[in-house]
Amino acid sequence: MPVRAMRTSTPTFSGLMLHRDCFMKYVMTKVTKRLESSKLRAAFNEAPKILLLSLSLGASSVALLHILHRQLEHQDDRTGRRSFQLHILLVDQSAAVEQPAFAHVWRSLKQHFPSHSYSIIELESVFDYVPDSFLTLSPSYTTSVSDFHSSKRARLEHFLSDLPSVTSRADMVGIIRSQLVEAFAKGNHCDSILYGDSTTRLAERTLSETAKGRGGAIPWLTGDGRSPHGIKIVYPMRDLLRKEITAYTAMAAPPLRPFLVENTLGKKSSASSKNLTIEDLMGQYFESVESNYPSIVANVVRTSGRLVAPPLGSQHHSVCHICRFPLVSGAEGLRWSGEQEGPAAPTCSNGSKDIPKLCFGCARSTLNP
């Protein structure tokens, strides 16, 4: 734990008194060590690496931006040379979910951290960045959006509205967003993607993805390293609890809270259990666990971190057409129709009988019971 009870202490989580400077150093050291172990900094004789920071305007991603910005300022003062450059990306998900207004916060963020590149892309632009997206082969897309003059937003909205549950929609939105971020990173020649997920968030994802039937992909969904899609993904905040990051946003100078856009969707829907997603339930569970038993949260992430992704090699591997993770043994016969392989398999949009195969998690999310 950070240094406690010093002369200029500040009250924070769990009733502890933390010295501001010591606590700030503690958080930044955690992030710096993770960056160093992931080798994200260019050598002195190399061109600066381009790191894409996926920003959600939540506490974790904004805190990560603040820490990285301070590191770059320190490099400027010490050597006059930066070992990496930041490209900040925000995905506008208003086509899929109720999203709080963020335009004023985005402008303030760019003014406060002016030395980086910034981009906003809409979720429906997945049709442009991922032209072979699973969306163009889904049955709902093929049967009812045959008019290609329909807007991309309308195509996406129709696909999501045809899914069987609120959990299914949240699951597909997350997959589309991840694929869009990776495609954007590749198109802009970024070396790595940075996500601000905390220990708490990674623990939530570990259990929620397992519950949804995608446990075989946990090493790629929560671990640092190269994704099956060919780009390096790192979670620099993975050694920090959510409550520690929240305390950091309050102690930073100036405070970072004006740059945050709170996501209240889970809180709004808590009154009706049918509107709760698996992610909402896991979030509620780990909120209480983090408060009383933080070591349990850390143990979940450490345990998932010991899982080793199978080597993909250079040979062909069968992959799920939706999430694009390798199919585990026994899932290769599952097709979009929900049936096993056979002559009655439906045709896809190009008339082919070769219907894409799905993993169990994606099949459960997209197939009507």
Protein backbone atom coordinates (compact mmCIF):
# COMPACT_ATOMS: atom_id res chain seq x y z
CA MET A 1 0.00 0.00 0.00
CA PRO A 2 1.05 3.63 -0.46
CA VAL A 3 2.60 5.59 2.40
CA ARG A 4 0.04 6.40 5.10
CA ALA A 5 -0.53 9.16 7.66
CA MET A 6 1.95 11.91 6.88
CA ARG A 7 1.81 15.60 7.67
CA THR A 8 -0.04 16.66 4.49
CA SER A 9 -2.22 13.59 4.23
CA THR A 10 -5.46 13.55 2.27
CA PRO A 11 -8.43 11.35 3.24
CA THR A 12 -9.26 8.76 0.63
CA PHE A 13 -10.73 5.27 0.24
CA SER A 14 -11.23 2.81 3.12
CA GLY A 15 -10.76 5.55 5.71
CA LEU A 16 -7.01 5.66 5.17
CA MET A 17 -5.01 8.89 5.14
CA LEU A 18 -2.66 8.97 2.17
CA HIS A 19 0.08 11.47 1.47
CA ARG A 20 -0.80 12.95 -1.91
CA ASP A 21 2.69 12.98 -3.47
CA CYS A 22 3.47 9.47 -2.29
CA PHE A 23 0.18 8.13 -3.56
CA MET A 24 0.58 9.81 -6.95
CA LYS A 25 4.08 8.35 -7.25
CA TYR A 26 2.77 4.92 -6.26
CA VAL A 27 0.18 4.96 -9.07
CA MET A 28 2.56 6.30 -11.70
CA THR A 29 5.24 3.77 -10.75
CA LYS A 30 2.78 0.92 -11.25
CA VAL A 31 2.00 2.17 -14.75
CA THR A 32 5.63 2.89 -15.64
CA LYS A 33 6.75 -0.61 -14.65
CA ARG A 34 4.01 -2.13 -16.79
CA LEU A 35 5.04 -0.01 -19.77
CA GLU A 36 8.69 -0.97 -19.34
CA SER A 37 7.91 -4.68 -19.09
CA SER A 38 5.84 -4.41 -22.28
CA LYS A 39 8.74 -2.67 -24.11
CA LEU A 40 6.59 0.18 -25.39
CA ARG A 41 9.36 2.75 -25.40
CA ALA A 42 11.63 3.20 -28.39
CA ALA A 43 15.40 3.00 -27.96
CA PHE A 44 17.44 6.18 -28.22
CA ASN A 45 18.39 5.51 -31.86
CA GLU A 46 14.85 4.49 -32.90
CA ALA A 47 11.90 6.57 -34.05
CA PRO A 48 9.27 7.14 -31.33
CA LYS A 49 6.65 4.40 -31.21
CA ILE A 50 3.05 5.35 -31.90
CA LEU A 51 0.72 4.17 -29.15
CA LEU A 52 -3.03 4.27 -29.62
CA LEU A 53 -4.86 5.05 -26.38
CA SER A 54 -8.47 3.91 -26.51
CA LEU A 55 -10.33 6.48 -24.43
CA SER A 56 -13.75 5.89 -22.88
CA LEU A 57 -13.76 9.12 -20.82
CA GLY A 58 -13.98 6.99 -17.69
CA ALA A 59 -11.67 7.40 -14.70
CA SER A 60 -9.18 4.71 -15.74
CA SER A 61 -8.54 5.81 -19.32
CA VAL A 62 -8.39 9.52 -18.42
CA ALA A 63 -6.00 8.79 -15.55
CA LEU A 64 -3.84 6.78 -17.96
CA LEU A 65 -3.77 9.72 -20.38
CA HIS A 66 -2.71 12.02 -17.53
CA ILE A 67 0.11 9.68 -16.46
CA LEU A 68 1.41 9.19 -20.00
CA HIS A 69 1.25 12.94 -20.64
CA ARG A 70 3.34 13.60 -17.53
CA GLN A 71 5.87 11.00 -18.61
CA LEU A 72 6.26 12.70 -21.98
CA GLU A 73 6.66 16.10 -20.31
CA HIS A 74 9.39 14.60 -18.12
CA GLN A 75 11.15 13.22 -21.20
CA ASP A 76 10.97 16.63 -22.87
CA ASP A 77 12.56 18.30 -19.85
CA ARG A 78 15.25 15.66 -19.38
CA THR A 79 16.35 14.74 -22.93
CA GLY A 80 14.26 16.79 -25.33
CA ARG A 81 13.25 13.53 -27.03
CA ARG A 82 10.12 11.42 -26.70
CA SER A 83 10.25 7.62 -26.76
CA PHE A 84 6.61 7.34 -27.86
CA GLN A 85 3.79 9.37 -29.33
CA LEU A 86 0.15 9.19 -28.31
CA HIS A 87 -2.85 8.97 -30.59
CA ILE A 88 -6.07 9.29 -28.60
CA LEU A 89 -9.12 7.51 -29.98
CA LEU A 90 -12.73 7.83 -28.82
CA VAL A 91 -15.43 5.58 -30.27
CA ASP A 92 -18.85 7.22 -30.46
CA GLN A 93 -21.28 4.43 -29.56
CA SER A 94 -24.48 6.48 -29.73
CA ALA A 95 -25.80 4.25 -32.54
CA ALA A 96 -25.89 1.32 -30.14
CA VAL A 97 -26.22 2.58 -26.57
CA GLU A 98 -27.53 5.58 -24.69
CA GLN A 99 -24.40 7.67 -24.36
CA PRO A 100 -23.97 10.84 -22.25
CA ALA A 101 -22.99 14.01 -24.11
CA PHE A 102 -19.21 14.26 -24.35
CA ALA A 103 -18.45 17.03 -26.89
CA HIS A 104 -17.59 19.68 -24.28
CA VAL A 105 -15.45 17.23 -22.30
CA TRP A 106 -13.62 16.18 -25.47
CA ARG A 107 -12.81 19.81 -26.31
CA SER A 108 -11.54 20.47 -22.78
CA LEU A 109 -9.40 17.35 -22.91
CA LYS A 110 -7.75 18.41 -26.17
CA GLN A 111 -7.03 21.85 -24.75
CA HIS A 112 -5.52 20.44 -21.56
CA PHE A 113 -3.38 17.81 -23.32
CA PRO A 114 -2.62 19.55 -26.62
CA SER A 115 0.52 17.70 -27.72
CA HIS A 116 -1.20 14.51 -28.90
CA SER A 117 -3.23 13.41 -31.92
CA TYR A 118 -6.98 12.97 -31.41
CA SER A 119 -9.64 11.11 -33.38
CA ILE A 120 -13.34 10.31 -32.94
CA ILE A 121 -14.96 7.55 -34.98
CA GLU A 122 -18.53 6.29 -34.91
CA LEU A 123 -19.27 2.68 -34.09
CA GLU A 124 -21.04 2.25 -37.44
CA SER A 125 -17.80 3.08 -39.27
CA VAL A 126 -16.89 -0.56 -38.69
CA PHE A 127 -18.35 -1.10 -42.17
CA ASP A 128 -15.53 1.09 -43.54
CA TYR A 129 -12.64 -0.05 -41.36
CA VAL A 130 -13.59 -3.75 -41.32
CA PRO A 131 -15.13 -4.39 -44.77
CA ASP A 132 -15.29 -8.15 -44.14
CA SER A 133 -17.07 -7.61 -40.82
CA PHE A 134 -19.36 -10.38 -39.58
CA LEU A 135 -22.17 -7.81 -39.74
CA THR A 136 -22.38 -8.17 -43.52
CA LEU A 137 -22.91 -11.94 -43.18
CA SER A 138 -25.45 -11.98 -40.37
CA PRO A 139 -28.87 -13.41 -41.27
CA SER A 140 -30.67 -10.25 -40.11
CA TYR A 141 -28.43 -8.10 -42.28
CA THR A 142 -28.87 -10.33 -45.31
CA THR A 143 -32.64 -10.70 -45.12
CA SER A 144 -33.74 -7.18 -44.24
CA VAL A 145 -31.00 -4.73 -45.17
CA SER A 146 -30.56 -5.71 -48.79
CA ASP A 147 -30.76 -2.05 -49.81
CA PHE A 148 -27.14 -0.91 -49.65
CA HIS A 149 -28.30 2.69 -49.81
CA SER A 150 -29.40 2.29 -46.20
CA SER A 151 -27.18 4.23 -43.85
CA LYS A 152 -24.46 2.40 -41.98
CA ARG A 153 -26.12 3.48 -38.75
CA ALA A 154 -29.42 1.89 -39.83
CA ARG A 155 -27.65 -1.37 -40.70
CA LEU A 156 -25.99 -1.51 -37.31
CA GLU A 157 -29.15 -0.59 -35.43
CA HIS A 158 -31.11 -3.30 -37.23
CA PHE A 159 -28.52 -5.96 -36.48
CA LEU A 160 -28.47 -5.08 -32.78
CA SER A 161 -32.26 -4.88 -32.51
CA ASP A 162 -32.54 -8.43 -33.85
CA LEU A 163 -30.40 -9.90 -31.05
CA PRO A 164 -32.20 -11.98 -28.39
CA SER A 165 -31.26 -10.11 -25.18
CA VAL A 166 -29.71 -7.01 -23.66
CA THR A 167 -26.63 -9.07 -22.76
CA SER A 168 -26.32 -10.14 -26.40
CA ARG A 169 -26.44 -6.54 -27.58
CA ALA A 170 -23.84 -5.41 -25.05
CA ASP A 171 -21.64 -8.35 -26.04
CA MET A 172 -21.81 -7.56 -29.76
CA VAL A 173 -21.21 -3.84 -29.17
CA GLY A 174 -18.05 -4.70 -27.24
CA ILE A 175 -16.80 -6.99 -30.01
CA ILE A 176 -17.55 -4.45 -32.73
CA ARG A 177 -15.80 -1.72 -30.74
CA SER A 178 -12.68 -3.85 -30.18
CA GLN A 179 -12.43 -4.81 -33.84
CA LEU A 180 -12.92 -1.20 -34.87
CA VAL A 181 -10.16 0.02 -32.54
CA GLU A 182 -7.74 -2.62 -33.84
CA ALA A 183 -8.54 -1.81 -37.47
CA PHE A 184 -8.05 1.91 -36.78
CA ALA A 185 -4.71 1.21 -35.10
CA LYS A 186 -3.47 -0.81 -38.05
CA GLY A 187 -4.68 1.78 -40.56
CA ASN A 188 -2.82 4.54 -38.69
CA HIS A 189 0.41 2.51 -38.28
CA CYS A 190 0.23 2.32 -34.51
CA ASP A 191 2.65 -0.02 -32.76
CA SER A 192 0.38 -0.92 -29.83
CA ILE A 193 -3.04 -0.30 -28.34
CA LEU A 194 -3.38 0.85 -24.74
CA TYR A 195 -6.54 0.26 -22.70
CA GLY A 196 -7.12 1.79 -19.26
CA ASP A 197 -8.77 -1.26 -17.70
CA SER A 198 -8.10 -1.57 -13.97
CA THR A 199 -7.62 -4.78 -11.98
CA THR A 200 -11.29 -4.57 -11.07
CA ARG A 201 -12.43 -4.21 -14.67
CA LEU A 202 -10.26 -7.12 -15.82
CA ALA A 203 -11.67 -9.31 -13.03
CA GLU A 204 -15.20 -8.41 -14.16
CA ARG A 205 -14.34 -9.29 -17.74
CA THR A 206 -12.74 -12.61 -16.74
CA LEU A 207 -15.91 -13.87 -15.08
CA SER A 208 -18.39 -12.28 -17.49
CA GLU A 209 -16.68 -13.69 -20.59
CA THR A 210 -16.45 -17.09 -18.95
CA ALA A 211 -20.16 -16.95 -18.10
CA LYS A 212 -20.97 -16.02 -21.70
CA GLY A 213 -19.09 -19.05 -23.02
CA ARG A 214 -15.93 -17.37 -24.22
CA GLY A 215 -13.57 -18.61 -21.51
CA GLY A 216 -11.14 -20.02 -24.07
CA ALA A 217 -10.31 -16.47 -25.17
CA ILE A 218 -9.50 -15.14 -21.68
CA PRO A 219 -5.70 -15.00 -22.31
CA TRP A 220 -6.32 -12.60 -25.20
CA LEU A 221 -9.19 -10.70 -23.58
CA THR A 222 -7.38 -9.82 -20.35
CA GLY A 223 -3.66 -10.32 -20.96
CA ASP A 224 -0.89 -8.13 -22.32
CA GLY A 225 0.53 -9.28 -25.62
CA ARG A 226 -0.15 -9.65 -29.31
CA SER A 227 -3.75 -10.35 -30.21
CA PRO A 228 -4.73 -13.07 -32.71
CA HIS A 229 -5.41 -10.21 -35.11
CA GLY A 230 -1.77 -9.16 -35.18
CA ILE A 231 -1.39 -6.07 -32.97
CA LYS A 232 0.00 -5.69 -29.47
CA ILE A 233 -2.46 -4.83 -26.69
CA VAL A 234 -1.39 -3.62 -23.25
CA TYR A 235 -3.30 -2.79 -20.07
CA PRO A 236 -0.95 -0.42 -18.17
CA MET A 237 -3.44 0.08 -15.30
CA ARG A 238 -3.91 -3.64 -14.66
CA ASP A 239 -2.12 -3.53 -11.29
CA LEU A 240 -4.42 -0.86 -9.83
CA LEU A 241 -7.86 -1.22 -8.28
CA ARG A 242 -10.71 0.95 -9.49
CA LYS A 243 -10.91 2.75 -6.15
CA GLU A 244 -7.19 3.62 -6.34
CA ILE A 245 -7.66 5.11 -9.80
CA THR A 246 -10.71 7.06 -8.62
CA ALA A 247 -8.60 8.48 -5.78
CA TYR A 248 -5.91 9.42 -8.29
CA THR A 249 -8.35 11.43 -10.42
CA ALA A 250 -9.34 13.42 -7.32
CA MET A 251 -5.75 14.05 -6.17
CA ALA A 252 -4.34 15.04 -9.55
CA ALA A 253 -3.60 18.72 -10.07
CA PRO A 254 -5.80 20.00 -11.56
CA PRO A 255 -8.39 17.30 -10.67
CA LEU A 256 -9.36 15.05 -13.56
CA ARG A 257 -13.02 14.72 -12.68
CA PRO A 258 -14.10 17.53 -15.07
CA PHE A 259 -12.75 15.35 -17.90
CA LEU A 260 -14.85 12.32 -16.95
CA VAL A 261 -18.16 11.28 -18.46
CA GLU A 262 -19.90 8.95 -16.04
CA ASN A 263 -21.58 5.89 -17.49
CA THR A 264 -24.83 5.47 -15.57
CA LEU A 265 -26.42 2.80 -17.77
CA GLY A 266 -25.91 -0.03 -15.29
CA LYS A 267 -27.22 2.11 -12.42
CA LYS A 268 -30.31 3.16 -14.36
CA SER A 269 -31.24 -0.38 -15.26
CA SER A 270 -30.60 -1.88 -11.82
CA ALA A 271 -34.26 -1.58 -10.88
CA SER A 272 -35.23 -4.19 -13.47
CA SER A 273 -33.24 -7.41 -13.54
CA LYS A 274 -34.28 -8.17 -17.12
CA ASN A 275 -32.44 -5.04 -18.26
CA LEU A 276 -29.21 -6.02 -16.51
CA THR A 277 -26.39 -7.43 -18.61
CA ILE A 278 -23.89 -9.98 -17.34
CA GLU A 279 -21.37 -7.12 -17.25
CA ASP A 280 -23.71 -5.10 -15.01
CA LEU A 281 -24.08 -8.01 -12.60
CA MET A 282 -20.34 -8.59 -12.45
CA GLY A 283 -19.79 -4.88 -11.92
CA GLN A 284 -22.15 -4.85 -8.95
CA TYR A 285 -20.53 -7.96 -7.51
CA PHE A 286 -16.95 -6.70 -7.76
CA GLU A 287 -17.93 -3.27 -6.45
CA SER A 288 -18.72 -4.87 -3.11
CA VAL A 289 -15.83 -7.34 -3.24
CA GLU A 290 -13.33 -4.56 -3.97
CA SER A 291 -14.51 -2.60 -0.94
CA ASN A 292 -14.19 -5.48 1.52
CA TYR A 293 -11.84 -8.04 -0.02
CA PRO A 294 -9.57 -6.33 -2.58
CA SER A 295 -7.15 -9.27 -2.57
CA ILE A 296 -9.85 -11.46 -4.14
CA VAL A 297 -10.11 -9.07 -7.09
CA ALA A 298 -6.35 -9.13 -7.61
CA ASN A 299 -6.27 -12.93 -7.33
CA VAL A 300 -8.83 -13.30 -10.13
CA VAL A 301 -6.63 -11.26 -12.47
CA ARG A 302 -3.43 -13.00 -11.39
CA THR A 303 -5.02 -16.37 -11.99
CA SER A 304 -6.26 -15.42 -15.45
CA GLY A 305 -2.81 -14.01 -16.16
CA ARG A 306 -1.33 -17.49 -15.70
CA LEU A 307 -3.43 -18.82 -18.56
CA VAL A 308 -1.29 -19.19 -21.66
CA ALA A 309 -2.73 -18.52 -25.08
CA PRO A 310 -2.07 -21.44 -27.45
CA PRO A 311 0.54 -20.62 -30.10
CA LEU A 312 -1.13 -19.77 -33.38
CA GLY A 313 1.89 -20.43 -35.57
CA SER A 314 1.81 -19.81 -39.30
CA GLN A 315 -0.61 -22.57 -40.27
CA HIS A 316 -4.31 -21.99 -40.79
CA HIS A 317 -6.46 -21.97 -37.68
CA SER A 318 -10.22 -22.13 -37.61
CA VAL A 319 -11.57 -18.95 -36.02
CA CYS A 320 -14.95 -17.69 -34.90
CA HIS A 321 -16.32 -15.45 -37.61
CA ILE A 322 -17.68 -12.93 -35.09
CA CYS A 323 -15.10 -12.43 -32.33
CA ARG A 324 -12.28 -13.82 -34.54
CA PHE A 325 -10.68 -15.72 -31.71
CA PRO A 326 -9.42 -19.25 -32.45
CA LEU A 327 -12.07 -21.92 -31.99
CA VAL A 328 -11.47 -24.35 -29.17
CA SER A 329 -11.70 -28.07 -29.79
CA GLY A 330 -15.29 -29.20 -30.11
CA ALA A 331 -16.73 -25.85 -31.29
CA GLU A 332 -15.76 -26.13 -34.95
CA GLY A 333 -19.09 -27.57 -36.07
CA LEU A 334 -21.31 -24.79 -34.75
CA ARG A 335 -22.69 -22.55 -37.49
CA TRP A 336 -24.61 -19.29 -37.60
CA SER A 337 -27.91 -21.15 -37.98
CA GLY A 338 -27.34 -22.82 -34.60
CA GLU A 339 -27.20 -26.25 -36.20
CA GLN A 340 -24.33 -28.61 -36.78
CA GLU A 341 -22.68 -28.85 -40.18
CA GLY A 342 -24.90 -30.40 -42.81
CA PRO A 343 -26.51 -29.99 -46.24
CA ALA A 344 -29.34 -27.85 -44.86
CA ALA A 345 -27.01 -25.04 -43.80
CA PRO A 346 -28.32 -21.66 -44.99
CA THR A 347 -26.49 -19.53 -47.51
CA CYS A 348 -24.68 -16.32 -46.66
CA SER A 349 -25.00 -12.99 -48.43
CA ASN A 350 -22.74 -13.93 -51.34
CA GLY A 351 -24.70 -17.13 -52.03
CA SER A 352 -22.06 -19.45 -50.63
CA LYS A 353 -22.97 -22.52 -48.59
CA ASP A 354 -19.86 -21.98 -46.50
CA ILE A 355 -21.57 -20.44 -43.47
CA PRO A 356 -19.08 -19.00 -40.96
CA LYS A 357 -18.46 -20.99 -37.79
CA LEU A 358 -19.04 -19.49 -34.36
CA CYS A 359 -17.60 -20.07 -30.93
CA PHE A 360 -20.03 -20.98 -28.16
CA GLY A 361 -20.02 -17.45 -26.74
CA CYS A 362 -20.92 -15.75 -30.02
CA ALA A 363 -23.47 -18.44 -30.87
CA ARG A 364 -25.24 -17.82 -27.56
CA SER A 365 -25.25 -14.07 -28.16
CA THR A 366 -26.55 -14.10 -31.73
CA LEU A 367 -28.84 -17.13 -32.04
CA ASN A 368 -32.44 -16.85 -30.91
CA PRO A 369 -33.37 -19.57 -28.40
